[in-house]
Amino acid sequence: MNSRNDTRNKIRSNYFNSIADPVADILGPASRSHPERLKQITLDLKNKGVELIFRSDESLGYPPGLSKGKPGQIIVNENASISAWEHEYVHFLDDQENGFLVMSSLFDVNYRVRTELNAYTKEINFVKSLNGNHDNIIRQLKLNFEDELNYIVREFDEVTDTDLLESIKKFINMYDIIPIKPEIEKMSDQELIKNFYQSKPPHGKMNYYAVFAKRSSNFKDLLTEEILNNENNIQSIIGIIKVSWLPLISILCYAKDEHTKKDFINLARESWEDSNLKDFTNYLLKDDQLSKYVK
């Protein structure tokens, strides 16, 4: 099932959780922002025999059909954005192109990841076509893709298609600012802590910050300590870049909650020396993606 189905992907108090359907936060329901396009999509789906299931508090998804050659269902929130509709429509189109693969498609990891990549690429291209700067939405959509990719790989199997792996790498290249080492990302929380505090952490101490940031809800205290640590605020990695900058920039790149990012920025503003904060601010102002956090 191609589904965004965890608790982050639900509606809360009549508005979308910005993690689940971030485009809804700026455009609202498809029925209001793009009624004609929504009509085209739903008409095609109905004509092709797709069952549309509208829900007020359930996740988005395209469960495949049970009979070979027959389409599945589209489960969609009644207030879903046009971007979310396009996402699920891509899943249907991919399924249709392959002759409707029934539940066997759930076990074809390469196919499943590729259709997720297709769907998220469709959403991101749509966001890029909108007026204004929506880097935060693009960032969230890429994080959503990573979440789904990690789930599929963890629960089913590894991606083996080399072309697909290269496409995935290109898709998530916004995180090249501070890359994630796969060897570290595979570690459990306990392994991360154990290795990080060794005198010579495997794979290098600095490489742990990005993974801590991705799991910021579990490592808030550790990240706080690293950002406030006096030695980290004195020791330079190169030039003006201090060690304490790495955990903070990692949070800005990888934390899933915008409130978390703002909280850590405020922590630095309240705690760092003026000269260090000024250097950090000027450094981030040069980057289109991160400058909004220090303006």
Protein backbone atom coordinates (compact mmCIF):
# COMPACT_ATOMS: atom_id res chain seq x y z
CA MET A 1 0.00 0.00 0.00
CA ASN A 2 1.35 3.38 -0.96
CA SER A 3 0.28 5.28 2.11
CA ARG A 4 1.24 8.09 4.37
CA ASN A 5 -0.33 6.42 7.34
CA ASP A 6 1.37 7.32 10.62
CA THR A 7 0.04 9.74 13.19
CA ARG A 8 1.91 12.65 11.62
CA ASN A 9 -0.19 12.33 8.51
CA LYS A 10 -3.56 13.15 9.97
CA ILE A 11 -5.76 16.22 10.24
CA ARG A 12 -5.83 18.12 13.48
CA SER A 13 -8.46 20.69 14.42
CA ASN A 14 -9.66 21.43 10.88
CA TYR A 15 -6.25 22.12 9.39
CA PHE A 16 -3.57 19.94 7.89
CA ASN A 17 -0.57 18.87 9.86
CA SER A 18 2.10 20.62 7.82
CA ILE A 19 4.23 17.47 7.85
CA ALA A 20 1.62 15.30 6.16
CA ASP A 21 0.31 17.54 3.40
CA PRO A 22 2.39 20.72 3.54
CA VAL A 23 0.91 22.22 0.37
CA ALA A 24 -2.48 22.35 2.09
CA ASP A 25 -1.05 24.92 4.47
CA ILE A 26 -0.60 27.43 1.65
CA LEU A 27 -3.34 26.43 -0.83
CA GLY A 28 -6.01 24.75 1.26
CA PRO A 29 -8.30 22.03 -0.15
CA ALA A 30 -8.05 21.13 -3.82
CA SER A 31 -11.77 21.78 -4.19
CA ARG A 32 -11.09 25.44 -3.50
CA SER A 33 -7.65 26.03 -5.06
CA HIS A 34 -7.87 23.85 -8.20
CA PRO A 35 -11.48 22.68 -8.69
CA GLU A 36 -11.12 22.01 -12.43
CA ARG A 37 -7.97 19.92 -12.06
CA LEU A 38 -9.56 18.01 -9.20
CA LYS A 39 -12.59 17.32 -11.39
CA GLN A 40 -10.33 15.96 -14.16
CA ILE A 41 -8.52 13.64 -11.76
CA THR A 42 -11.61 12.29 -10.01
CA LEU A 43 -13.49 11.82 -13.30
CA ASP A 44 -10.63 9.78 -14.76
CA LEU A 45 -10.34 7.70 -11.60
CA LYS A 46 -14.06 6.94 -11.51
CA ASN A 47 -14.13 6.09 -15.22
CA LYS A 48 -11.26 3.64 -14.66
CA GLY A 49 -13.06 1.92 -11.79
CA VAL A 50 -11.07 3.34 -8.89
CA GLU A 51 -13.00 3.53 -5.64
CA LEU A 52 -12.62 6.92 -3.94
CA ILE A 53 -12.86 6.83 -0.17
CA PHE A 54 -13.10 10.19 1.57
CA ARG A 55 -12.20 10.43 5.24
CA SER A 56 -11.87 13.20 7.76
CA ASP A 57 -9.15 11.72 9.94
CA GLU A 58 -7.40 9.00 7.97
CA SER A 59 -4.17 8.91 6.00
CA LEU A 60 -3.71 9.33 2.28
CA GLY A 61 -3.03 6.23 0.23
CA TYR A 62 -3.47 4.09 -2.86
CA PRO A 63 -4.04 0.46 -1.81
CA PRO A 64 -3.67 -1.79 -4.89
CA GLY A 65 -6.52 -3.97 -6.08
CA LEU A 66 -6.94 -7.63 -5.16
CA SER A 67 -7.76 -8.86 -8.67
CA LYS A 68 -5.19 -8.88 -11.48
CA GLY A 69 -5.95 -6.19 -14.02
CA LYS A 70 -8.21 -4.18 -11.73
CA PRO A 71 -7.31 -0.89 -10.02
CA GLY A 72 -7.26 -0.26 -6.31
CA GLN A 73 -8.70 2.45 -4.11
CA ILE A 74 -7.71 6.00 -3.35
CA ILE A 75 -8.13 6.94 0.29
CA VAL A 76 -7.97 10.69 0.67
CA ASN A 77 -8.83 13.28 3.25
CA GLU A 78 -11.78 15.39 2.27
CA ASN A 79 -9.63 18.54 2.62
CA ALA A 80 -6.55 17.23 0.80
CA SER A 81 -4.56 19.68 -1.31
CA ILE A 82 -4.29 19.35 -5.06
CA SER A 83 -0.68 18.29 -4.49
CA ALA A 84 -1.81 15.34 -2.35
CA TRP A 85 -4.35 14.38 -5.01
CA GLU A 86 -1.66 14.49 -7.69
CA HIS A 87 0.54 12.29 -5.50
CA GLU A 88 -2.06 9.54 -5.22
CA TYR A 89 -3.01 9.95 -8.87
CA VAL A 90 0.61 9.19 -9.82
CA HIS A 91 0.38 5.93 -7.85
CA PHE A 92 -2.72 5.01 -9.83
CA LEU A 93 -1.10 5.92 -13.17
CA ASP A 94 2.00 3.85 -12.34
CA ASP A 95 -0.20 0.92 -11.35
CA GLN A 96 -2.25 1.29 -14.55
CA GLU A 97 0.89 1.45 -16.71
CA ASN A 98 2.05 -1.86 -15.23
CA GLY A 99 -1.29 -3.59 -15.78
CA PHE A 100 -2.50 -3.23 -12.17
CA LEU A 101 -0.11 -5.31 -10.11
CA VAL A 102 -2.38 -6.23 -7.18
CA MET A 103 -0.78 -6.78 -3.77
CA SER A 104 2.36 -8.26 -5.28
CA SER A 105 3.48 -4.68 -5.89
CA LEU A 106 3.91 -4.24 -2.14
CA PHE A 107 6.74 -6.77 -2.21
CA ASP A 108 8.51 -5.35 -5.26
CA VAL A 109 10.77 -2.90 -3.45
CA ASN A 110 12.27 -1.33 -6.57
CA TYR A 111 8.84 -0.70 -8.07
CA ARG A 112 7.39 0.57 -4.82
CA VAL A 113 10.22 3.02 -4.15
CA ARG A 114 10.20 4.22 -7.75
CA THR A 115 6.50 5.04 -7.66
CA GLU A 116 7.02 6.94 -4.40
CA LEU A 117 9.85 8.84 -6.04
CA ASN A 118 7.60 9.60 -9.02
CA ALA A 119 4.81 10.84 -6.74
CA TYR A 120 7.01 13.08 -4.59
CA THR A 121 8.77 14.44 -7.68
CA LYS A 122 5.36 15.40 -9.05
CA GLU A 123 4.51 17.24 -5.84
CA ILE A 124 7.84 19.07 -5.68
CA ASN A 125 7.66 20.17 -9.31
CA PHE A 126 4.20 21.53 -8.59
CA VAL A 127 5.47 23.46 -5.56
CA LYS A 128 8.31 24.91 -7.63
CA SER A 129 5.73 26.24 -10.10
CA LEU A 130 4.03 28.32 -7.38
CA ASN A 131 4.87 31.95 -6.78
CA GLY A 132 7.02 32.70 -3.78
CA ASN A 133 9.71 30.87 -1.84
CA HIS A 134 8.50 27.48 -0.63
CA ASP A 135 11.81 25.80 0.20
CA ASN A 136 10.41 24.67 3.55
CA ILE A 137 7.64 22.74 1.81
CA ILE A 138 10.06 21.13 -0.64
CA ARG A 139 12.29 20.20 2.29
CA GLN A 140 9.34 18.57 4.10
CA LEU A 141 8.25 16.61 1.03
CA LYS A 142 11.78 15.25 0.67
CA LEU A 143 11.81 14.28 4.32
CA ASN A 144 8.46 12.54 3.83
CA PHE A 145 9.95 10.59 0.93
CA GLU A 146 12.92 9.59 3.07
CA ASP A 147 10.57 8.39 5.81
CA GLU A 148 8.71 6.18 3.33
CA LEU A 149 11.94 4.94 1.77
CA ASN A 150 13.33 3.99 5.18
CA TYR A 151 10.10 2.20 6.11
CA ILE A 152 10.03 0.16 2.89
CA VAL A 153 13.70 -0.81 3.16
CA ARG A 154 13.36 -1.68 6.85
CA GLU A 155 10.19 -3.76 6.53
CA PHE A 156 10.68 -5.36 3.10
CA ASP A 157 14.13 -5.25 1.51
CA GLU A 158 16.93 -3.12 0.11
CA VAL A 159 16.68 -1.20 -3.17
CA THR A 160 18.79 -3.06 -5.74
CA ASP A 161 18.18 -1.06 -8.93
CA THR A 162 21.37 0.99 -9.42
CA ASP A 163 19.66 3.58 -11.63
CA LEU A 164 16.97 4.03 -9.00
CA LEU A 165 19.57 4.42 -6.28
CA GLU A 166 21.23 7.18 -8.31
CA SER A 167 17.87 8.89 -8.83
CA ILE A 168 17.20 8.76 -5.09
CA LYS A 169 20.59 10.30 -4.38
CA LYS A 170 19.90 13.17 -6.79
CA PHE A 171 16.40 13.66 -5.37
CA ILE A 172 17.60 14.20 -1.80
CA ASN A 173 20.74 16.15 -2.64
CA MET A 174 19.55 19.19 -0.68
CA TYR A 175 21.02 17.47 2.34
CA ASP A 176 24.54 17.57 0.93
CA ILE A 177 25.00 20.63 3.18
CA ILE A 178 25.65 18.14 5.97
CA PRO A 179 25.53 14.59 4.59
CA ILE A 180 24.36 11.53 6.48
CA LYS A 181 26.56 8.47 6.65
CA PRO A 182 24.44 5.34 6.12
CA GLU A 183 26.62 3.40 8.56
CA ILE A 184 25.65 5.80 11.34
CA GLU A 185 22.00 6.13 10.34
CA LYS A 186 21.56 2.36 10.71
CA MET A 187 22.61 2.50 14.38
CA SER A 188 20.05 2.28 17.15
CA ASP A 189 19.70 5.17 19.59
CA GLN A 190 21.70 3.22 22.16
CA GLU A 191 24.49 2.51 19.67
CA LEU A 192 24.63 6.17 18.68
CA ILE A 193 25.11 7.28 22.27
CA LYS A 194 27.68 4.58 23.01
CA ASN A 195 29.74 5.35 19.91
CA PHE A 196 29.44 9.13 20.07
CA TYR A 197 31.00 9.34 23.52
CA GLN A 198 33.97 7.14 22.67
CA SER A 199 37.34 8.89 22.54
CA LYS A 200 37.47 8.09 18.83
CA PRO A 201 33.89 7.52 17.60
CA PRO A 202 33.64 5.14 14.62
CA HIS A 203 33.12 7.05 11.34
CA GLY A 204 34.07 10.36 13.02
CA LYS A 205 32.30 12.31 15.76
CA MET A 206 31.14 15.17 13.54
CA ASN A 207 29.16 12.76 11.36
CA TYR A 208 26.78 11.88 14.21
CA TYR A 209 25.11 15.29 14.41
CA ALA A 210 23.00 14.83 11.28
CA VAL A 211 21.53 11.56 12.57
CA PHE A 212 20.91 13.06 16.01
CA ALA A 213 19.09 15.91 14.26
CA LYS A 214 16.90 13.51 12.26
CA ARG A 215 15.93 11.95 15.58
CA SER A 216 15.84 15.28 17.40
CA SER A 217 12.88 14.29 19.56
CA ASN A 218 15.07 11.56 21.09
CA PHE A 219 18.27 13.60 21.34
CA LYS A 220 17.11 17.09 22.28
CA ASP A 221 19.21 17.19 25.45
CA LEU A 222 22.35 15.93 23.72
CA LEU A 223 21.98 18.46 20.89
CA THR A 224 21.41 21.24 23.41
CA GLU A 225 24.59 20.29 25.26
CA GLU A 226 26.62 20.24 22.05
CA ILE A 227 25.33 23.64 20.95
CA LEU A 228 26.01 25.24 24.35
CA ASN A 229 29.32 23.51 25.06
CA ASN A 230 31.97 26.18 25.62
CA GLU A 231 34.72 24.21 23.92
CA ASN A 232 32.52 23.64 20.86
CA ASN A 233 31.89 27.39 20.67
CA ILE A 234 35.63 28.12 20.72
CA GLN A 235 37.03 25.29 18.58
CA SER A 236 37.07 26.05 14.86
CA ILE A 237 36.65 23.36 12.22
CA ILE A 238 37.92 25.69 9.51
CA GLY A 239 38.00 29.46 9.42
CA ILE A 240 35.13 30.96 11.42
CA ILE A 241 33.07 27.73 11.45
CA LYS A 242 32.78 26.46 15.01
CA VAL A 243 32.03 22.89 16.11
CA SER A 244 28.80 24.13 17.73
CA TRP A 245 27.50 25.20 14.34
CA LEU A 246 27.32 21.61 13.07
CA PRO A 247 24.58 20.33 15.39
CA LEU A 248 22.55 23.49 14.83
CA ILE A 249 22.84 23.42 11.04
CA SER A 250 22.05 19.69 11.15
CA ILE A 251 18.84 20.50 13.00
CA LEU A 252 17.89 23.08 10.39
CA CYS A 253 18.46 20.51 7.64
CA TYR A 254 16.95 17.41 9.18
CA ALA A 255 14.57 18.12 12.07
CA LYS A 256 11.00 17.42 10.99
CA ASP A 257 9.36 20.03 13.20
CA GLU A 258 9.72 23.73 12.37
CA HIS A 259 9.12 24.58 16.03
CA THR A 260 12.15 22.51 16.98
CA LYS A 261 14.29 24.42 14.49
CA LYS A 262 13.12 27.77 15.83
CA ASP A 263 13.65 26.67 19.43
CA PHE A 264 17.27 25.76 18.76
CA ILE A 265 17.90 28.98 16.84
CA ASN A 266 16.53 30.91 19.83
CA LEU A 267 18.78 28.86 22.11
CA ALA A 268 21.82 30.00 20.14
CA ARG A 269 20.64 33.60 20.10
CA GLU A 270 20.22 33.61 23.85
CA SER A 271 23.44 31.73 24.69
CA TRP A 272 26.19 32.31 22.14
CA GLU A 273 28.69 35.15 22.29
CA ASP A 274 27.72 38.06 20.04
CA SER A 275 30.69 37.55 17.72
CA ASN A 276 29.96 33.84 17.25
CA LEU A 277 26.26 34.50 16.63
CA LYS A 278 27.07 37.26 14.14
CA ASP A 279 29.46 35.01 12.20
CA PHE A 280 26.91 32.19 12.18
CA THR A 281 24.11 34.49 11.01
CA ASN A 282 26.17 35.99 8.19
CA TYR A 283 27.23 32.51 7.10
CA LEU A 284 23.65 31.22 6.85
CA LEU A 285 22.43 34.36 5.07
CA LYS A 286 24.46 33.23 2.06
CA ASP A 287 22.33 30.07 1.66
CA ASP A 288 18.90 30.23 0.00
CA GLN A 289 17.55 27.29 2.00
CA LEU A 290 18.73 28.21 5.50
CA SER A 291 18.79 32.01 5.47
CA LYS A 292 15.14 32.25 6.51
CA TYR A 293 16.00 30.93 9.96
CA VAL A 294 18.28 33.86 10.79
CA LYS A 295 16.55 36.77 9.05
